[in-house]
Amino acid sequence: MKYFVVLLPMKDEEKSKAFRNDHLNYLEQKGKEGKIFAKGRFTDGTGGMVIYRAGSFEEAEKLAKEDPYVVTGARGYEIHEWEMVSDAVLPN
């Protein structure tokens, strides 16, 4: 499994507020499926980030494009494969 950082820059703050629950529900479901390593918003209000666990860039892009924030145009997305270096104990 590979890790992909998906940056979700703010495009429309009003849409972001309107679709927040849909976005959070989507992330909760993907988390239950084991597809999310970490997630969170940027405290300066410019957007947020999700680190997906996926087998390929294409799979990670599909996950990003299905996020209600992206579907509705509330947020953009930018994907980078992440080669994590850490001494932390990680989930399988």
PDB file of N, CA and C in Angstrom:
ATOM      1  N   MET A   1       0.843  -1.172   0.000  1.00  0.00           N
ATOM      2  CA  MET A   1       0.000   0.000   0.000  1.00  0.00           C
ATOM      3  C   MET A   1       0.892   1.242   0.000  1.00  0.00           C
ATOM      4  N   LYS A   2       0.521   2.213  -0.814  1.00  0.00           N
ATOM      5  CA  LYS A   2       1.255   3.469  -0.906  1.00  0.00           C
ATOM      6  C   LYS A   2       0.460   4.570  -0.212  1.00  0.00           C
ATOM      7  N   TYR A   3       1.152   5.672   0.087  1.00  0.00           N
ATOM      8  CA  TYR A   3       0.513   6.832   0.715  1.00  0.00           C
ATOM      9  C   TYR A   3       0.490   7.989  -0.279  1.00  0.00           C
ATOM     10  N   PHE A   4      -0.644   8.681  -0.346  1.00  0.00           N
ATOM     11  CA  PHE A   4      -0.812   9.813  -1.240  1.00  0.00           C
ATOM     12  C   PHE A   4      -1.379  10.992  -0.455  1.00  0.00           C
ATOM     13  N   VAL A   5      -0.651  12.103  -0.484  1.00  0.00           N
ATOM     14  CA  VAL A   5      -1.117  13.323   0.160  1.00  0.00           C
ATOM     15  C   VAL A   5      -2.010  14.056  -0.835  1.00  0.00           C
ATOM     16  N   VAL A   6      -3.222  14.368  -0.393  1.00  0.00           N
ATOM     17  CA  VAL A   6      -4.149  15.129  -1.224  1.00  0.00           C
ATOM     18  C   VAL A   6      -4.394  16.465  -0.527  1.00  0.00           C
ATOM     19  N   LEU A   7      -3.905  17.526  -1.145  1.00  0.00           N
ATOM     20  CA  LEU A   7      -4.166  18.872  -0.650  1.00  0.00           C
ATOM     21  C   LEU A   7      -5.508  19.320  -1.210  1.00  0.00           C
ATOM     22  N   LEU A   8      -6.321  19.932  -0.360  1.00  0.00           N
ATOM     23  CA  LEU A   8      -7.658  20.385  -0.764  1.00  0.00           C
ATOM     24  C   LEU A   8      -7.770  21.895  -0.556  1.00  0.00           C
ATOM     25  N   PRO A   9      -7.184  22.687  -1.476  1.00  0.00           N
ATOM     26  CA  PRO A   9      -7.220  24.138  -1.318  1.00  0.00           C
ATOM     27  C   PRO A   9      -8.639  24.695  -1.465  1.00  0.00           C
ATOM     28  N   MET A  10      -8.942  25.699  -0.654  1.00  0.00           N
ATOM     29  CA  MET A  10     -10.249  26.344  -0.656  1.00  0.00           C
ATOM     30  C   MET A  10     -10.491  27.038  -1.991  1.00  0.00           C
ATOM     31  N   LYS A  11     -11.655  26.780  -2.572  1.00  0.00           N
ATOM     32  CA  LYS A  11     -12.073  27.480  -3.788  1.00  0.00           C
ATOM     33  C   LYS A  11     -13.306  28.338  -3.515  1.00  0.00           C
ATOM     34  N   ASP A  12     -14.215  27.830  -2.665  1.00  0.00           N
ATOM     35  CA  ASP A  12     -15.471  28.526  -2.390  1.00  0.00           C
ATOM     36  C   ASP A  12     -15.854  28.255  -0.931  1.00  0.00           C
ATOM     37  N   GLU A  13     -15.644  29.258  -0.095  1.00  0.00           N
ATOM     38  CA  GLU A  13     -15.876  29.083   1.343  1.00  0.00           C
ATOM     39  C   GLU A  13     -17.328  28.764   1.671  1.00  0.00           C
ATOM     40  N   GLU A  14     -18.271  29.375   0.973  1.00  0.00           N
ATOM     41  CA  GLU A  14     -19.688  29.109   1.235  1.00  0.00           C
ATOM     42  C   GLU A  14     -20.057  27.666   0.883  1.00  0.00           C
ATOM     43  N   LYS A  15     -19.574  27.187  -0.267  1.00  0.00           N
ATOM     44  CA  LYS A  15     -19.810  25.784  -0.629  1.00  0.00           C
ATOM     45  C   LYS A  15     -19.130  24.854   0.369  1.00  0.00           C
ATOM     46  N   SER A  16     -17.967  25.246   0.832  1.00  0.00           N
ATOM     47  CA  SER A  16     -17.249  24.423   1.803  1.00  0.00           C
ATOM     48  C   SER A  16     -18.078  24.259   3.075  1.00  0.00           C
ATOM     49  N   LYS A  17     -18.674  25.336   3.526  1.00  0.00           N
ATOM     50  CA  LYS A  17     -19.545  25.265   4.715  1.00  0.00           C
ATOM     51  C   LYS A  17     -20.774  24.411   4.425  1.00  0.00           C
ATOM     52  N   ALA A  18     -21.374  24.608   3.264  1.00  0.00           N
ATOM     53  CA  ALA A  18     -22.607  23.894   2.919  1.00  0.00           C
ATOM     54  C   ALA A  18     -22.405  22.394   2.789  1.00  0.00           C
ATOM     55  N   PHE A  19     -21.234  21.972   2.302  1.00  0.00           N
ATOM     56  CA  PHE A  19     -20.998  20.551   2.046  1.00  0.00           C
ATOM     57  C   PHE A  19     -20.060  19.903   3.060  1.00  0.00           C
ATOM     58  N   ARG A  20     -19.813  20.587   4.175  1.00  0.00           N
ATOM     59  CA  ARG A  20     -18.895  20.064   5.198  1.00  0.00           C
ATOM     60  C   ARG A  20     -19.324  18.696   5.716  1.00  0.00           C
ATOM     61  N   ASN A  21     -20.606  18.545   6.063  1.00  0.00           N
ATOM     62  CA  ASN A  21     -21.076  17.257   6.597  1.00  0.00           C
ATOM     63  C   ASN A  21     -20.940  16.139   5.581  1.00  0.00           C
ATOM     64  N   ASP A  22     -21.222  16.429   4.313  1.00  0.00           N
ATOM     65  CA  ASP A  22     -21.059  15.414   3.266  1.00  0.00           C
ATOM     66  C   ASP A  22     -19.595  14.996   3.158  1.00  0.00           C
ATOM     67  N   HIS A  23     -18.712  15.986   3.198  1.00  0.00           N
ATOM     68  CA  HIS A  23     -17.270  15.717   3.148  1.00  0.00           C
ATOM     69  C   HIS A  23     -16.838  14.859   4.331  1.00  0.00           C
ATOM     70  N   LEU A  24     -17.262  15.244   5.535  1.00  0.00           N
ATOM     71  CA  LEU A  24     -16.874  14.489   6.733  1.00  0.00           C
ATOM     72  C   LEU A  24     -17.434  13.074   6.716  1.00  0.00           C
ATOM     73  N   ASN A  25     -18.657  12.910   6.244  1.00  0.00           N
ATOM     74  CA  ASN A  25     -19.244  11.569   6.134  1.00  0.00           C
ATOM     75  C   ASN A  25     -18.473  10.719   5.129  1.00  0.00           C
ATOM     76  N   TYR A  26     -18.064  11.331   4.023  1.00  0.00           N
ATOM     77  CA  TYR A  26     -17.265  10.631   3.018  1.00  0.00           C
ATOM     78  C   TYR A  26     -15.947  10.156   3.633  1.00  0.00           C
ATOM     79  N   LEU A  27     -15.273  11.048   4.343  1.00  0.00           N
ATOM     80  CA  LEU A  27     -14.001  10.674   4.965  1.00  0.00           C
ATOM     81  C   LEU A  27     -14.195   9.597   6.034  1.00  0.00           C
ATOM     82  N   GLU A  28     -15.277   9.679   6.772  1.00  0.00           N
ATOM     83  CA  GLU A  28     -15.551   8.647   7.782  1.00  0.00           C
ATOM     84  C   GLU A  28     -15.707   7.280   7.114  1.00  0.00           C
ATOM     85  N   GLN A  29     -16.453   7.237   6.009  1.00  0.00           N
ATOM     86  CA  GLN A  29     -16.655   5.971   5.297  1.00  0.00           C
ATOM     87  C   GLN A  29     -15.330   5.443   4.748  1.00  0.00           C
ATOM     88  N   LYS A  30     -14.537   6.315   4.143  1.00  0.00           N
ATOM     89  CA  LYS A  30     -13.248   5.880   3.589  1.00  0.00           C
ATOM     90  C   LYS A  30     -12.305   5.430   4.707  1.00  0.00           C
ATOM     91  N   GLY A  31     -12.400   6.059   5.860  1.00  0.00           N
ATOM     92  CA  GLY A  31     -11.609   5.631   7.009  1.00  0.00           C
ATOM     93  C   GLY A  31     -11.978   4.228   7.451  1.00  0.00           C
ATOM     94  N   LYS A  32     -13.269   3.925   7.474  1.00  0.00           N
ATOM     95  CA  LYS A  32     -13.734   2.584   7.835  1.00  0.00           C
ATOM     96  C   LYS A  32     -13.256   1.539   6.829  1.00  0.00           C
ATOM     97  N   GLU A  33     -13.047   1.970   5.598  1.00  0.00           N
ATOM     98  CA  GLU A  33     -12.553   1.069   4.545  1.00  0.00           C
ATOM     99  C   GLU A  33     -11.026   0.926   4.590  1.00  0.00           C
ATOM    100  N   GLY A  34     -10.384   1.633   5.509  1.00  0.00           N
ATOM    101  CA  GLY A  34      -8.930   1.560   5.629  1.00  0.00           C
ATOM    102  C   GLY A  34      -8.178   2.383   4.600  1.00  0.00           C
ATOM    103  N   LYS A  35      -8.858   3.348   3.981  1.00  0.00           N
ATOM    104  CA  LYS A  35      -8.261   4.142   2.904  1.00  0.00           C
ATOM    105  C   LYS A  35      -7.605   5.435   3.402  1.00  0.00           C
ATOM    106  N   ILE A  36      -7.777   5.785   4.682  1.00  0.00           N
ATOM    107  CA  ILE A  36      -7.242   7.055   5.172  1.00  0.00           C
ATOM    108  C   ILE A  36      -6.227   6.817   6.284  1.00  0.00           C
ATOM    109  N   PHE A  37      -5.066   7.409   6.115  1.00  0.00           N
ATOM    110  CA  PHE A  37      -4.014   7.370   7.131  1.00  0.00           C
ATOM    111  C   PHE A  37      -4.157   8.539   8.101  1.00  0.00           C
ATOM    112  N   ALA A  38      -4.410   9.733   7.570  1.00  0.00           N
ATOM    113  CA  ALA A  38      -4.552  10.938   8.393  1.00  0.00           C
ATOM    114  C   ALA A  38      -5.341  11.976   7.602  1.00  0.00           C
ATOM    115  N   LYS A  39      -5.903  12.935   8.332  1.00  0.00           N
ATOM    116  CA  LYS A  39      -6.674  13.999   7.680  1.00  0.00           C
ATOM    117  C   LYS A  39      -6.776  15.187   8.626  1.00  0.00           C
ATOM    118  N   GLY A  40      -7.061  16.352   8.065  1.00  0.00           N
ATOM    119  CA  GLY A  40      -7.275  17.519   8.902  1.00  0.00           C
ATOM    120  C   GLY A  40      -7.334  18.799   8.089  1.00  0.00           C
ATOM    121  N   ARG A  41      -7.833  19.840   8.740  1.00  0.00           N
ATOM    122  CA  ARG A  41      -7.957  21.154   8.101  1.00  0.00           C
ATOM    123  C   ARG A  41      -6.734  21.996   8.423  1.00  0.00           C
ATOM    124  N   PHE A  42      -6.494  22.990   7.590  1.00  0.00           N
ATOM    125  CA  PHE A  42      -5.437  23.957   7.872  1.00  0.00           C
ATOM    126  C   PHE A  42      -6.033  25.052   8.756  1.00  0.00           C
ATOM    127  N   THR A  43      -5.353  25.391   9.817  1.00  0.00           N
ATOM    128  CA  THR A  43      -5.900  26.346  10.783  1.00  0.00           C
ATOM    129  C   THR A  43      -6.004  27.764  10.229  1.00  0.00           C
ATOM    130  N   ASP A  44      -5.350  28.049   9.111  1.00  0.00           N
ATOM    131  CA  ASP A  44      -5.455  29.386   8.522  1.00  0.00           C
ATOM    132  C   ASP A  44      -6.649  29.519   7.570  1.00  0.00           C
ATOM    133  N   GLY A  45      -7.469  28.456   7.461  1.00  0.00           N
ATOM    134  CA  GLY A  45      -8.680  28.520   6.652  1.00  0.00           C
ATOM    135  C   GLY A  45      -8.475  28.349   5.156  1.00  0.00           C
ATOM    136  N   THR A  46      -7.286  27.940   4.741  1.00  0.00           N
ATOM    137  CA  THR A  46      -7.009  27.824   3.309  1.00  0.00           C
ATOM    138  C   THR A  46      -7.367  26.465   2.719  1.00  0.00           C
ATOM    139  N   GLY A  47      -7.857  25.548   3.530  1.00  0.00           N
ATOM    140  CA  GLY A  47      -8.234  24.227   3.041  1.00  0.00           C
ATOM    141  C   GLY A  47      -7.852  23.146   4.012  1.00  0.00           C
ATOM    142  N   GLY A  48      -7.457  22.001   3.479  1.00  0.00           N
ATOM    143  CA  GLY A  48      -7.099  20.873   4.328  1.00  0.00           C
ATOM    144  C   GLY A  48      -6.303  19.846   3.552  1.00  0.00           C
ATOM    145  N   MET A  49      -6.104  18.690   4.196  1.00  0.00           N
ATOM    146  CA  MET A  49      -5.266  17.655   3.617  1.00  0.00           C
ATOM    147  C   MET A  49      -5.782  16.287   4.058  1.00  0.00           C
ATOM    148  N   VAL A  50      -5.717  15.334   3.154  1.00  0.00           N
ATOM    149  CA  VAL A  50      -6.036  13.942   3.465  1.00  0.00           C
ATOM    150  C   VAL A  50      -4.861  13.106   2.975  1.00  0.00           C
ATOM    151  N   ILE A  51      -4.415  12.166   3.792  1.00  0.00           N
ATOM    152  CA  ILE A  51      -3.411  11.209   3.346  1.00  0.00           C
ATOM    153  C   ILE A  51      -4.123   9.876   3.149  1.00  0.00           C
ATOM    154  N   TYR A  52      -4.266   9.519   1.878  1.00  0.00           N
ATOM    155  CA  TYR A  52      -4.941   8.275   1.518  1.00  0.00           C
ATOM    156  C   TYR A  52      -3.946   7.129   1.435  1.00  0.00           C
ATOM    157  N   ARG A  53      -4.430   5.936   1.750  1.00  0.00           N
ATOM    158  CA  ARG A  53      -3.698   4.692   1.517  1.00  0.00           C
ATOM    159  C   ARG A  53      -4.334   4.071   0.279  1.00  0.00           C
ATOM    160  N   ALA A  54      -3.531   3.904  -0.770  1.00  0.00           N
ATOM    161  CA  ALA A  54      -4.065   3.379  -2.030  1.00  0.00           C
ATOM    162  C   ALA A  54      -2.987   2.579  -2.740  1.00  0.00           C
ATOM    163  N   GLY A  55      -3.413   1.752  -3.663  1.00  0.00           N
ATOM    164  CA  GLY A  55      -2.481   0.922  -4.402  1.00  0.00           C
ATOM    165  C   GLY A  55      -1.810   1.635  -5.561  1.00  0.00           C
ATOM    166  N   SER A  56      -2.416   2.742  -6.009  1.00  0.00           N
ATOM    167  CA  SER A  56      -1.869   3.454  -7.163  1.00  0.00           C
ATOM    168  C   SER A  56      -2.297   4.919  -7.125  1.00  0.00           C
ATOM    169  N   PHE A  57      -1.604   5.713  -7.943  1.00  0.00           N
ATOM    170  CA  PHE A  57      -1.979   7.122  -8.078  1.00  0.00           C
ATOM    171  C   PHE A  57      -3.413   7.235  -8.585  1.00  0.00           C
ATOM    172  N   GLU A  58      -3.781   6.383  -9.532  1.00  0.00           N
ATOM    173  CA  GLU A  58      -5.121   6.428 -10.113  1.00  0.00           C
ATOM    174  C   GLU A  58      -6.197   6.169  -9.052  1.00  0.00           C
ATOM    175  N   GLU A  59      -5.943   5.224  -8.174  1.00  0.00           N
ATOM    176  CA  GLU A  59      -6.900   4.951  -7.095  1.00  0.00           C
ATOM    177  C   GLU A  59      -7.013   6.153  -6.166  1.00  0.00           C
ATOM    178  N   ALA A  60      -5.881   6.748  -5.813  1.00  0.00           N
ATOM    179  CA  ALA A  60      -5.897   7.927  -4.934  1.00  0.00           C
ATOM    180  C   ALA A  60      -6.627   9.087  -5.607  1.00  0.00           C
ATOM    181  N   GLU A  61      -6.413   9.256  -6.906  1.00  0.00           N
ATOM    182  CA  GLU A  61      -7.097  10.335  -7.624  1.00  0.00           C
ATOM    183  C   GLU A  61      -8.604  10.103  -7.654  1.00  0.00           C
ATOM    184  N   LYS A  62      -9.014   8.860  -7.822  1.00  0.00           N
ATOM    185  CA  LYS A  62     -10.444   8.527  -7.807  1.00  0.00           C
ATOM    186  C   LYS A  62     -11.040   8.880  -6.442  1.00  0.00           C
ATOM    187  N   LEU A  63     -10.333   8.539  -5.371  1.00  0.00           N
ATOM    188  CA  LEU A  63     -10.810   8.873  -4.029  1.00  0.00           C
ATOM    189  C   LEU A  63     -10.938  10.392  -3.862  1.00  0.00           C
ATOM    190  N   ALA A  64      -9.949  11.118  -4.331  1.00  0.00           N
ATOM    191  CA  ALA A  64      -9.974  12.580  -4.213  1.00  0.00           C
ATOM    192  C   ALA A  64     -11.123  13.174  -5.019  1.00  0.00           C
ATOM    193  N   LYS A  65     -11.314  12.691  -6.240  1.00  0.00           N
ATOM    194  CA  LYS A  65     -12.355  13.238  -7.106  1.00  0.00           C
ATOM    195  C   LYS A  65     -13.767  12.928  -6.619  1.00  0.00           C
ATOM    196  N   GLU A  66     -13.922  11.881  -5.810  1.00  0.00           N
ATOM    197  CA  GLU A  66     -15.241  11.517  -5.289  1.00  0.00           C
ATOM    198  C   GLU A  66     -15.584  12.240  -3.990  1.00  0.00           C
ATOM    199  N   ASP A  67     -14.638  12.973  -3.423  1.00  0.00           N
ATOM    200  CA  ASP A  67     -14.889  13.754  -2.209  1.00  0.00           C
ATOM    201  C   ASP A  67     -15.929  14.828  -2.547  1.00  0.00           C
ATOM    202  N   PRO A  68     -17.002  14.923  -1.770  1.00  0.00           N
ATOM    203  CA  PRO A  68     -18.027  15.935  -2.045  1.00  0.00           C
ATOM    204  C   PRO A  68     -17.485  17.361  -2.169  1.00  0.00           C
ATOM    205  N   TYR A  69     -16.443  17.693  -1.455  1.00  0.00           N
ATOM    206  CA  TYR A  69     -15.838  19.016  -1.612  1.00  0.00           C
ATOM    207  C   TYR A  69     -15.344  19.237  -3.041  1.00  0.00           C
ATOM    208  N   VAL A  70     -14.746  18.224  -3.633  1.00  0.00           N
ATOM    209  CA  VAL A  70     -14.216  18.337  -4.991  1.00  0.00           C
ATOM    210  C   VAL A  70     -15.361  18.276  -5.999  1.00  0.00           C
ATOM    211  N   VAL A  71     -16.289  17.352  -5.796  1.00  0.00           N
ATOM    212  CA  VAL A  71     -17.435  17.189  -6.695  1.00  0.00           C
ATOM    213  C   VAL A  71     -18.216  18.495  -6.829  1.00  0.00           C
ATOM    214  N   THR A  72     -18.418  19.201  -5.725  1.00  0.00           N
ATOM    215  CA  THR A  72     -19.237  20.419  -5.726  1.00  0.00           C
ATOM    216  C   THR A  72     -18.457  21.684  -6.065  1.00  0.00           C
ATOM    217  N   GLY A  73     -17.144  21.587  -6.205  1.00  0.00           N
ATOM    218  CA  GLY A  73     -16.342  22.756  -6.517  1.00  0.00           C
ATOM    219  C   GLY A  73     -15.983  23.609  -5.311  1.00  0.00           C
ATOM    220  N   ALA A  74     -16.220  23.081  -4.116  1.00  0.00           N
ATOM    221  CA  ALA A  74     -15.848  23.816  -2.899  1.00  0.00           C
ATOM    222  C   ALA A  74     -14.335  23.857  -2.726  1.00  0.00           C
ATOM    223  N   ARG A  75     -13.689  22.798  -3.154  1.00  0.00           N
ATOM    224  CA  ARG A  75     -12.234  22.686  -3.020  1.00  0.00           C
ATOM    225  C   ARG A  75     -11.627  22.142  -4.309  1.00  0.00           C
ATOM    226  N   GLY A  76     -10.396  22.515  -4.538  1.00  0.00           N
ATOM    227  CA  GLY A  76      -9.611  21.899  -5.584  1.00  0.00           C
ATOM    228  C   GLY A  76      -8.889  20.705  -4.991  1.00  0.00           C
ATOM    229  N   TYR A  77      -8.026  20.085  -5.767  1.00  0.00           N
ATOM    230  CA  TYR A  77      -7.204  19.008  -5.210  1.00  0.00           C
ATOM    231  C   TYR A  77      -5.864  18.945  -5.924  1.00  0.00           C
ATOM    232  N   GLU A  78      -4.872  18.511  -5.169  1.00  0.00           N
ATOM    233  CA  GLU A  78      -3.520  18.303  -5.682  1.00  0.00           C
ATOM    234  C   GLU A  78      -2.990  17.055  -4.999  1.00  0.00           C
ATOM    235  N   ILE A  79      -2.456  16.107  -5.777  1.00  0.00           N
ATOM    236  CA  ILE A  79      -2.032  14.821  -5.231  1.00  0.00           C
ATOM    237  C   ILE A  79      -0.524  14.644  -5.376  1.00  0.00           C
ATOM    238  N   HIS A  80       0.076  14.123  -4.308  1.00  0.00           N
ATOM    239  CA  HIS A  80       1.499  13.785  -4.331  1.00  0.00           C
ATOM    240  C   HIS A  80       1.689  12.437  -3.656  1.00  0.00           C
ATOM    241  N   GLU A  81       2.389  11.523  -4.308  1.00  0.00           N
ATOM    242  CA  GLU A  81       2.736  10.280  -3.626  1.00  0.00           C
ATOM    243  C   GLU A  81       3.752  10.631  -2.543  1.00  0.00           C
ATOM    244  N   TRP A  82       3.564  10.048  -1.386  1.00  0.00           N
ATOM    245  CA  TRP A  82       4.371  10.390  -0.217  1.00  0.00           C
ATOM    246  C   TRP A  82       5.146   9.167   0.237  1.00  0.00           C
ATOM    247  N   GLU A  83       6.448   9.279   0.251  1.00  0.00           N
ATOM    248  CA  GLU A  83       7.295   8.217   0.774  1.00  0.00           C
ATOM    249  C   GLU A  83       7.603   8.573   2.222  1.00  0.00           C
ATOM    250  N   MET A  84       6.840   8.001   3.103  1.00  0.00           N
ATOM    251  CA  MET A  84       6.935   8.344   4.512  1.00  0.00           C
ATOM    252  C   MET A  84       8.194   7.753   5.137  1.00  0.00           C
ATOM    253  N   VAL A  85       8.828   8.569   5.954  1.00  0.00           N
ATOM    254  CA  VAL A  85       9.959   8.144   6.760  1.00  0.00           C
ATOM    255  C   VAL A  85       9.595   8.473   8.198  1.00  0.00           C
ATOM    256  N   SER A  86       9.464   7.438   9.013  1.00  0.00           N
ATOM    257  CA  SER A  86       9.016   7.666  10.383  1.00  0.00           C
ATOM    258  C   SER A  86       9.443   6.500  11.265  1.00  0.00           C
ATOM    259  N   ASP A  87       9.689   6.804  12.530  1.00  0.00           N
ATOM    260  CA  ASP A  87       9.943   5.769  13.521  1.00  0.00           C
ATOM    261  C   ASP A  87       8.663   5.369  14.241  1.00  0.00           C
ATOM    262  N   ALA A  88       7.554   5.997  13.858  1.00  0.00           N
ATOM    263  CA  ALA A  88       6.275   5.698  14.495  1.00  0.00           C
ATOM    264  C   ALA A  88       5.801   4.309  14.100  1.00  0.00           C
ATOM    265  N   VAL A  89       5.039   3.673  14.956  1.00  0.00           N
ATOM    266  CA  VAL A  89       4.422   2.387  14.660  1.00  0.00           C
ATOM    267  C   VAL A  89       3.144   2.676  13.888  1.00  0.00           C
ATOM    268  N   LEU A  90       3.040   2.120  12.685  1.00  0.00           N
ATOM    269  CA  LEU A  90       1.921   2.426  11.794  1.00  0.00           C
ATOM    270  C   LEU A  90       0.946   1.254  11.706  1.00  0.00           C
ATOM    271  N   PRO A  91      -0.332   1.571  11.412  1.00  0.00           N
ATOM    272  CA  PRO A  91      -1.309   0.489  11.221  1.00  0.00           C
ATOM    273  C   PRO A  91      -1.003  -0.262   9.939  1.00  0.00           C
ATOM    274  N   ASN A  92      -1.395  -1.514   9.887  1.00  0.00           N
ATOM    275  CA  ASN A  92      -1.199  -2.319   8.665  1.00  0.00           C
ATOM    276  C   ASN A  92      -2.190  -1.943   7.596  1.00  0.00           C
TER     277      ASN A  92
END
